[in-house]
N, C-alpha and C. Protein backbone atom coordinates (compact mmCIF):
# COMPACT_ATOMS: atom_id res chain seq x y z
N MET A 1 101.40 112.22 73.61
CA MET A 1 101.12 113.38 74.55
C MET A 1 99.79 113.71 74.41
N HIS A 2 99.21 113.78 75.58
CA HIS A 2 97.80 114.34 75.64
C HIS A 2 97.68 115.78 75.39
N SER A 3 96.73 116.10 74.94
CA SER A 3 96.26 117.78 74.98
C SER A 3 95.69 118.25 76.06
N LEU A 4 95.86 119.49 76.09
CA LEU A 4 95.13 120.41 77.27
C LEU A 4 93.73 120.00 77.36
N LEU A 5 93.04 119.89 76.31
CA LEU A 5 91.58 119.55 76.16
C LEU A 5 91.36 118.35 76.78
N GLU A 6 92.08 117.19 76.35
CA GLU A 6 92.00 115.94 77.01
C GLU A 6 92.23 115.76 78.56
N ALA A 7 93.13 116.63 78.98
CA ALA A 7 93.52 116.74 80.52
C ALA A 7 92.11 117.40 81.11
N LEU A 8 91.59 118.55 80.65
CA LEU A 8 90.61 119.12 81.12
C LEU A 8 89.31 118.13 81.12
N ILE A 9 89.10 117.41 80.01
CA ILE A 9 87.95 116.64 80.08
C ILE A 9 88.09 115.48 81.13
N TYR A 10 89.38 114.92 81.30
CA TYR A 10 89.60 113.81 82.25
C TYR A 10 89.48 114.48 83.83
N TYR A 11 89.82 115.60 84.01
CA TYR A 11 89.60 116.16 85.41
C TYR A 11 88.25 116.42 85.63
N GLU A 12 87.39 116.85 84.68
CA GLU A 12 85.85 117.00 84.73
C GLU A 12 85.29 115.68 85.15
N GLN A 13 85.69 114.72 84.45
CA GLN A 13 85.16 113.31 84.68
C GLN A 13 85.50 112.84 86.07
N LEU A 14 86.79 113.16 86.54
CA LEU A 14 87.17 112.72 87.77
C LEU A 14 86.43 113.43 88.85
N ALA A 15 85.95 114.65 88.77
CA ALA A 15 85.28 115.31 89.72
C ALA A 15 83.84 114.83 89.72
N ARG A 16 83.37 114.49 88.60
CA ARG A 16 81.92 113.84 88.67
C ARG A 16 82.04 112.42 89.40
N MET A 17 83.02 111.76 89.15
CA MET A 17 83.16 110.49 89.88
C MET A 17 83.25 110.70 91.42
N LYS A 18 84.01 111.67 91.66
CA LYS A 18 84.38 111.85 93.15
C LYS A 18 83.09 112.24 93.61
N ASP A 19 82.11 113.10 93.07
CA ASP A 19 80.87 113.32 93.53
C ASP A 19 80.01 112.37 93.69
N ASP A 20 80.10 111.23 92.79
CA ASP A 20 79.28 110.09 92.96
C ASP A 20 79.73 108.98 93.98
N GLY A 21 80.94 109.40 94.66
CA GLY A 21 81.43 108.38 95.76
C GLY A 21 82.43 107.57 95.31
N TYR A 22 82.98 107.68 94.04
CA TYR A 22 84.11 106.90 93.59
C TYR A 22 85.29 107.41 94.30
N GLN A 23 86.37 106.52 94.62
CA GLN A 23 87.60 107.02 95.05
C GLN A 23 88.94 106.46 94.40
N LEU A 24 89.87 106.91 94.37
CA LEU A 24 90.98 106.22 93.52
C LEU A 24 91.99 105.74 94.51
N PHE A 25 92.72 104.54 94.32
CA PHE A 25 93.78 104.27 95.17
C PHE A 25 94.89 103.82 94.28
N GLY A 26 96.06 104.29 94.93
CA GLY A 26 97.32 104.10 94.01
C GLY A 26 98.38 103.53 94.90
N LEU A 27 99.27 102.81 94.19
CA LEU A 27 100.43 102.22 94.83
C LEU A 27 101.70 102.70 94.07
N TYR A 28 102.56 103.35 95.02
CA TYR A 28 103.83 103.97 94.36
C TYR A 28 105.10 103.12 94.52
N GLU A 29 105.99 103.21 93.78
CA GLU A 29 107.40 102.48 93.91
C GLU A 29 108.26 103.62 93.57
N GLU A 30 109.27 103.92 94.44
CA GLU A 30 110.06 104.91 94.21
C GLU A 30 109.56 106.30 93.63
N ASN A 31 108.37 106.74 94.33
CA ASN A 31 107.74 107.99 93.82
C ASN A 31 106.92 108.01 92.60
N ARG A 32 106.85 106.82 92.05
CA ARG A 32 106.30 106.68 90.72
C ARG A 32 104.98 105.74 90.99
N LEU A 33 103.94 106.40 90.50
CA LEU A 33 102.59 105.59 90.44
C LEU A 33 102.74 104.50 89.51
N VAL A 34 102.69 103.16 90.15
CA VAL A 34 102.69 102.04 89.41
C VAL A 34 101.44 101.03 89.20
N CYS A 35 100.42 101.52 90.00
CA CYS A 35 99.28 100.61 90.07
C CYS A 35 98.14 101.54 90.65
N CYS A 36 96.92 101.40 90.10
CA CYS A 36 95.84 102.18 90.68
C CYS A 36 94.46 101.34 90.34
N TYR A 37 93.48 101.74 91.30
CA TYR A 37 92.13 101.17 91.01
C TYR A 37 91.26 102.31 91.33
N ARG A 38 90.09 102.07 90.70
CA ARG A 38 88.98 103.01 91.19
C ARG A 38 87.95 102.07 91.97
N ALA A 39 87.51 102.81 92.93
CA ALA A 39 86.53 102.05 93.99
C ALA A 39 85.15 102.80 94.26
N PHE A 40 84.27 102.05 94.37
CA PHE A 40 83.03 102.77 95.03
C PHE A 40 82.52 101.85 96.07
N PHE A 41 82.30 102.58 97.17
CA PHE A 41 81.77 101.68 98.23
C PHE A 41 80.27 102.20 98.63
N ARG A 42 79.64 101.20 99.20
CA ARG A 42 78.24 101.29 99.48
C ARG A 42 77.77 100.41 100.48
N VAL A 43 76.60 100.61 101.10
CA VAL A 43 76.16 99.66 102.13
C VAL A 43 74.73 99.16 101.42
N ASN A 44 74.60 97.75 101.41
CA ASN A 44 73.51 97.39 100.85
C ASN A 44 72.41 96.87 101.79
N PHE A 45 71.52 97.56 102.08
CA PHE A 45 70.57 97.33 102.95
C PHE A 45 69.65 96.06 102.96
N CYS A 46 69.56 95.59 101.67
CA CYS A 46 68.83 94.34 101.55
C CYS A 46 69.80 93.09 102.10
N SER A 47 70.82 93.02 101.86
CA SER A 47 71.91 91.79 102.48
C SER A 47 72.38 92.42 103.79
N GLY A 48 72.29 93.70 104.09
CA GLY A 48 72.85 93.90 105.38
C GLY A 48 74.23 94.09 105.53
N GLY A 49 74.87 94.23 104.23
CA GLY A 49 76.45 94.21 104.22
C GLY A 49 76.97 95.42 103.55
N LYS A 50 78.36 95.33 103.60
CA LYS A 50 79.00 96.50 102.96
C LYS A 50 79.55 95.86 101.55
N GLN A 51 79.65 96.77 100.63
CA GLN A 51 80.14 96.38 99.45
C GLN A 51 81.15 97.25 98.67
N VAL A 52 82.11 96.83 98.14
CA VAL A 52 83.03 97.50 97.49
C VAL A 52 83.03 97.19 95.83
N TYR A 53 82.96 97.97 94.94
CA TYR A 53 83.22 97.59 93.85
C TYR A 53 84.38 98.27 93.10
N LEU A 54 85.55 97.37 92.57
CA LEU A 54 86.65 97.71 91.97
C LEU A 54 86.50 97.66 90.49
N SER A 55 86.99 98.70 89.98
CA SER A 55 87.06 98.73 88.48
C SER A 55 88.28 99.49 88.09
N GLU A 56 88.63 99.30 86.89
CA GLU A 56 89.76 99.94 86.10
C GLU A 56 91.05 99.89 86.81
N CYS A 57 91.38 98.67 87.09
CA CYS A 57 92.87 98.34 87.47
C CYS A 57 93.78 98.72 86.54
N VAL A 58 94.76 99.35 86.67
CA VAL A 58 95.77 99.75 85.87
C VAL A 58 96.95 99.56 86.49
N THR A 59 98.16 98.83 85.90
CA THR A 59 99.31 98.50 86.40
C THR A 59 100.35 98.88 85.26
N ASP A 60 101.46 99.59 85.61
CA ASP A 60 102.39 99.81 84.66
C ASP A 60 103.00 98.51 84.18
N ALA A 61 103.09 98.54 82.93
CA ALA A 61 103.57 97.31 82.15
C ALA A 61 104.98 96.64 82.69
N THR A 62 105.89 97.59 83.19
CA THR A 62 107.28 97.41 83.54
C THR A 62 107.31 96.69 84.89
N VAL A 63 106.12 96.81 85.83
CA VAL A 63 106.07 96.21 86.93
C VAL A 63 105.17 95.07 87.22
N ARG A 64 104.51 94.68 86.06
CA ARG A 64 103.62 93.67 86.33
C ARG A 64 104.14 92.26 86.78
N SER A 65 103.35 91.40 87.39
CA SER A 65 103.94 90.27 87.91
C SER A 65 104.62 90.45 89.25
N LYS A 66 104.52 91.65 89.83
CA LYS A 66 105.19 91.74 91.20
C LYS A 66 104.17 91.76 92.27
N GLY A 67 103.01 91.48 91.92
CA GLY A 67 101.86 91.30 92.94
C GLY A 67 101.27 92.71 93.56
N TYR A 68 101.55 93.74 92.82
CA TYR A 68 101.08 94.92 93.25
C TYR A 68 99.43 95.17 93.25
N GLY A 69 98.94 94.54 92.26
CA GLY A 69 97.57 94.67 91.91
C GLY A 69 96.81 93.85 93.29
N GLY A 70 97.22 92.71 93.72
CA GLY A 70 96.91 91.99 94.91
C GLY A 70 97.02 92.79 96.16
N LYS A 71 98.17 93.48 96.32
CA LYS A 71 98.44 94.34 97.46
C LYS A 71 97.64 95.56 97.45
N LEU A 72 97.24 96.07 96.40
CA LEU A 72 96.17 97.21 96.35
C LEU A 72 94.88 96.75 96.62
N ILE A 73 94.38 95.57 96.18
CA ILE A 73 93.09 94.88 96.67
C ILE A 73 93.06 94.68 98.15
N GLN A 74 94.00 94.47 98.93
CA GLN A 74 94.10 94.23 100.25
C GLN A 74 94.14 95.41 100.91
N LEU A 75 94.60 96.66 100.55
CA LEU A 75 94.54 97.88 100.89
C LEU A 75 93.13 98.50 100.84
N VAL A 76 92.56 98.12 99.88
CA VAL A 76 91.02 98.60 99.47
C VAL A 76 90.16 97.91 100.64
N LYS A 77 90.27 96.45 100.67
CA LYS A 77 89.56 95.78 101.53
C LYS A 77 89.77 96.07 102.96
N HIS A 78 91.05 96.29 103.45
CA HIS A 78 91.30 96.89 104.77
C HIS A 78 90.56 98.08 105.10
N GLY A 79 90.71 99.02 104.22
CA GLY A 79 90.11 100.44 104.32
C GLY A 79 88.42 100.41 104.27
N ALA A 80 87.86 99.22 103.53
CA ALA A 80 86.62 99.10 103.43
C ALA A 80 85.98 98.71 104.77
N SER A 81 86.67 97.96 105.43
CA SER A 81 86.32 97.21 106.79
C SER A 81 86.27 98.27 107.93
N TYR A 82 86.79 99.33 107.64
CA TYR A 82 86.94 100.22 108.85
C TYR A 82 86.54 101.61 108.58
N SER A 83 87.03 102.54 107.60
CA SER A 83 86.65 103.89 107.69
C SER A 83 85.69 104.37 106.47
N TYR A 84 85.37 103.62 105.52
CA TYR A 84 84.66 104.23 104.56
C TYR A 84 83.43 103.98 104.70
N PHE A 85 82.63 103.53 105.58
CA PHE A 85 81.32 103.60 105.77
C PHE A 85 81.01 104.14 107.00
């Protein structure tokens, strides 16, 4: 179990990441978070294109090999092509 101090540190870090443009994406199964990614979106003026950086993919061990990571990547790619820029 995590301590209150660990939780406070986590939420402080999360707030800083949000200020820097990071977003969290999650996939739920029966109201339970089973997979999540951290993503950062930006426009690269040198190449003239949009870029998405995905990091820290976490998948619940009990649901691995169900393709949830791939589904979440598709969701992020779809969102990147429309509304995040």
